């Protein structure tokens, strides 16, 4: 199957997948009032015990460049469509192929590699260091959003799709899905934003 036909398939699936996911809140489990952080081991190697009081770490200084960037600005729209086409894909730690399963950074790397000539590291923190930082208030569809879910910076990530929502591969008990940035769990753990667009 050619890249163009694969993209067409993802675009065709995106509408149905998006309608199925729209409006469904994230399924963050509460146990005795504590959030189960071990379920969000997305891009980390070792789950940790629940820590409901975790606050986002201050963003560290990323590399000064050159940053990885998409070939064309229009590819941010393709990223959103591609991400929506992957909704309900199973999770697999270290996975970067939807047939076998994806983790959070594997999902982002897979999408970027399929729509551009760029290749991203398969690690959320390394992706954050190789992409241009922006303020969270500047997020546009196709940008990347990062979270501190494991008591360390940029341990989880997703693709912002607009209207305060992002797509991510959450954990071994979940599938690729849409969440809201103002979700109580994610709102207190947001750890920065990045763009794959070159500076204007």
Protein backbone atom coordinates (compact mmCIF):
# COMPACT_ATOMS: atom_id res chain seq x y z
CA UNK A 1 0.00 0.00 0.00
CA UNK A 2 1.41 3.39 -0.89
CA UNK A 3 1.83 6.21 1.61
CA UNK A 4 -0.87 8.21 -0.18
CA UNK A 5 -3.35 5.33 0.04
CA UNK A 6 -2.47 4.72 3.68
CA UNK A 7 -3.17 8.35 4.43
CA UNK A 8 -6.46 8.12 2.58
CA UNK A 9 -7.42 5.12 4.70
CA UNK A 10 -6.59 6.99 7.88
CA UNK A 11 -8.56 10.03 6.73
CA UNK A 12 -11.56 7.83 5.95
CA UNK A 13 -11.38 6.20 9.36
CA UNK A 14 -10.80 9.48 11.16
CA UNK A 15 -14.35 10.81 10.86
CA UNK A 16 -15.99 7.68 12.26
CA UNK A 17 -13.37 7.29 14.96
CA UNK A 18 -13.68 10.93 15.93
CA UNK A 19 -17.47 10.72 16.17
CA UNK A 20 -17.13 7.62 18.33
CA UNK A 21 -14.69 9.31 20.68
CA UNK A 22 -16.14 12.82 20.79
CA UNK A 23 -17.63 13.78 24.09
CA UNK A 24 -16.43 10.69 25.96
CA UNK A 25 -14.49 11.65 29.07
CA UNK A 26 -11.20 10.00 29.87
CA UNK A 27 -11.37 6.90 31.99
CA UNK A 28 -8.97 7.85 34.76
CA UNK A 29 -9.68 5.49 37.62
CA UNK A 30 -10.05 6.71 41.18
CA UNK A 31 -9.17 4.38 44.05
CA UNK A 32 -9.93 5.74 47.51
CA UNK A 33 -9.57 9.26 46.11
CA UNK A 34 -6.08 8.59 44.70
CA UNK A 35 -5.38 8.54 41.00
CA UNK A 36 -3.82 5.36 39.72
CA UNK A 37 -0.67 6.71 38.09
CA UNK A 38 0.72 3.30 37.28
CA UNK A 39 -1.88 3.09 34.52
CA UNK A 40 -0.27 6.03 32.74
CA UNK A 41 3.11 4.45 32.19
CA UNK A 42 2.80 5.56 28.55
CA UNK A 43 6.39 6.48 27.67
CA UNK A 44 8.19 5.46 30.81
CA UNK A 45 10.12 2.36 31.66
CA UNK A 46 9.14 1.78 35.29
CA UNK A 47 5.70 2.45 36.78
CA UNK A 48 5.68 4.21 40.14
CA UNK A 49 3.26 4.19 43.03
CA UNK A 50 0.31 6.60 42.93
CA UNK A 51 1.28 10.19 43.77
CA UNK A 52 -1.89 12.32 43.59
CA UNK A 53 -0.07 15.49 44.64
CA UNK A 54 2.36 15.47 41.68
CA UNK A 55 2.67 18.93 40.08
CA UNK A 56 4.14 19.67 36.67
CA UNK A 57 7.88 20.16 36.69
CA UNK A 58 9.21 23.46 35.43
CA UNK A 59 10.20 23.06 31.78
CA UNK A 60 13.92 22.63 31.36
CA UNK A 61 15.87 24.33 28.63
CA UNK A 62 15.62 22.26 25.44
CA UNK A 63 18.39 22.07 22.92
CA UNK A 64 18.86 25.36 21.12
CA UNK A 65 18.35 23.78 17.72
CA UNK A 66 18.16 22.94 15.03
CA UNK A 67 14.73 21.61 15.89
CA UNK A 68 12.95 18.86 13.99
CA UNK A 69 10.24 20.41 11.82
CA UNK A 70 7.63 19.24 9.34
CA UNK A 71 8.19 19.86 5.64
CA UNK A 72 5.01 21.92 5.20
CA UNK A 73 2.60 23.71 7.55
CA UNK A 74 -0.34 21.80 6.05
CA UNK A 75 1.09 18.60 7.54
CA UNK A 76 -0.18 19.63 10.98
CA UNK A 77 -3.70 18.97 9.65
CA UNK A 78 -2.54 15.58 8.41
CA UNK A 79 -1.18 14.83 11.89
CA UNK A 80 -4.60 15.47 13.41
CA UNK A 81 -6.38 13.30 10.83
CA UNK A 82 -3.80 10.54 11.20
CA UNK A 83 -4.13 10.61 15.01
CA UNK A 84 -7.92 10.39 14.81
CA UNK A 85 -7.54 7.46 12.42
CA UNK A 86 -5.55 5.62 15.11
CA UNK A 87 -8.26 5.91 17.77
CA UNK A 88 -8.90 2.61 19.55
CA UNK A 89 -5.48 1.20 18.54
CA UNK A 90 -4.16 -1.05 21.29
CA UNK A 91 -1.32 -0.05 23.62
CA UNK A 92 2.08 -1.68 23.59
CA UNK A 93 5.06 -0.41 25.57
CA UNK A 94 7.78 0.48 23.07
CA UNK A 95 5.33 0.05 20.19
CA UNK A 96 5.53 2.25 17.11
CA UNK A 97 3.42 0.18 14.74
CA UNK A 98 -0.39 0.27 15.02
CA UNK A 99 -0.67 -3.37 13.95
CA UNK A 100 1.30 -4.46 17.02
CA UNK A 101 0.33 -1.57 19.33
CA UNK A 102 1.59 1.91 20.18
CA UNK A 103 2.85 3.79 23.19
CA UNK A 104 2.60 7.57 23.46
CA UNK A 105 5.89 8.53 21.82
CA UNK A 106 5.67 5.63 19.37
CA UNK A 107 2.31 6.93 18.16
CA UNK A 108 3.70 10.43 17.57
CA UNK A 109 6.86 9.14 15.87
CA UNK A 110 4.82 6.82 13.64
CA UNK A 111 2.55 9.65 12.50
CA UNK A 112 5.37 12.11 11.82
CA UNK A 113 7.37 9.54 9.86
CA UNK A 114 4.34 8.69 7.70
CA UNK A 115 3.52 12.25 6.73
CA UNK A 116 6.98 13.79 6.42
CA UNK A 117 10.65 13.09 5.88
CA UNK A 118 11.36 13.70 9.58
CA UNK A 119 12.17 10.95 12.06
CA UNK A 120 11.57 11.50 15.77
CA UNK A 121 13.21 9.71 18.69
CA UNK A 122 11.04 7.07 20.36
CA UNK A 123 11.09 8.81 23.74
CA UNK A 124 8.81 11.60 24.94
CA UNK A 125 11.52 13.59 26.73
CA UNK A 126 13.87 13.36 23.74
CA UNK A 127 11.09 14.48 21.41
CA UNK A 128 10.49 17.47 23.69
CA UNK A 129 14.18 18.34 23.53
CA UNK A 130 14.27 18.12 19.71
CA UNK A 131 11.15 20.18 18.96
CA UNK A 132 10.53 23.92 19.29
CA UNK A 133 8.94 24.97 22.60
CA UNK A 134 5.81 27.10 22.64
CA UNK A 135 3.54 28.32 25.41
CA UNK A 136 0.60 26.05 26.21
CA UNK A 137 -1.69 28.99 25.40
CA UNK A 138 -0.29 28.94 21.84
CA UNK A 139 -1.24 25.31 21.11
CA UNK A 140 -2.66 24.75 17.63
CA UNK A 141 -3.94 21.49 16.11
CA UNK A 142 -1.00 19.25 15.26
CA UNK A 143 1.21 20.55 18.08
CA UNK A 144 2.58 18.28 20.80
CA UNK A 145 1.61 18.44 24.45
CA UNK A 146 3.65 16.90 27.29
CA UNK A 147 2.85 15.75 30.81
CA UNK A 148 4.68 14.82 33.99
CA UNK A 149 2.87 11.61 34.91
CA UNK A 150 5.80 9.76 36.48
CA UNK A 151 7.37 12.42 38.74
CA UNK A 152 9.74 13.37 35.94
CA UNK A 153 9.40 15.92 33.17
CA UNK A 154 7.95 14.97 29.82
CA UNK A 155 7.17 11.38 30.74
CA UNK A 156 3.98 11.32 28.65
CA UNK A 157 2.80 13.08 25.49
CA UNK A 158 0.01 13.45 22.97
CA UNK A 159 -1.05 15.34 19.84
CA UNK A 160 -3.23 18.41 20.33
CA UNK A 161 -6.29 18.34 18.03
CA UNK A 162 -8.00 21.60 19.01
CA UNK A 163 -10.85 22.63 21.31
CA UNK A 164 -8.81 21.73 24.40
CA UNK A 165 -8.44 18.07 23.37
CA UNK A 166 -5.54 15.79 22.56
CA UNK A 167 -5.01 12.23 21.31
CA UNK A 168 -2.68 9.88 23.17
CA UNK A 169 -1.85 6.24 23.82
CA UNK A 170 -2.51 6.06 27.57
CA UNK A 171 -1.50 2.74 29.12
CA UNK A 172 -1.45 -1.03 28.97
CA UNK A 173 -5.14 -1.20 29.93
CA UNK A 174 -6.27 1.41 27.44
CA UNK A 175 -6.33 2.27 23.75
CA UNK A 176 -5.50 5.37 21.76
CA UNK A 177 -8.16 7.90 22.70
CA UNK A 178 -9.13 11.56 23.03
CA UNK A 179 -8.76 13.38 26.35
CA UNK A 180 -9.32 16.96 27.46
CA UNK A 181 -6.52 19.19 28.73
CA UNK A 182 -8.83 20.44 31.48
CA UNK A 183 -9.36 16.88 32.70
CA UNK A 184 -8.50 17.05 36.42
CA UNK A 185 -5.73 14.47 36.06
CA UNK A 186 -4.00 16.06 33.06
CA UNK A 187 -4.58 19.71 33.96
CA UNK A 188 -2.28 19.46 36.98
CA UNK A 189 0.38 17.50 35.14
CA UNK A 190 0.78 19.41 31.88
CA UNK A 191 4.49 19.93 31.41
CA UNK A 192 4.89 21.99 28.27
CA UNK A 193 4.05 22.18 24.59
CA UNK A 194 6.05 21.93 21.38
CA UNK A 195 5.43 22.60 17.72
CA UNK A 196 6.75 20.84 14.64
CA UNK A 197 6.46 24.02 12.61
CA UNK A 198 9.56 26.04 11.81
CA UNK A 199 9.65 29.47 13.40
CA UNK A 200 7.89 32.08 11.26
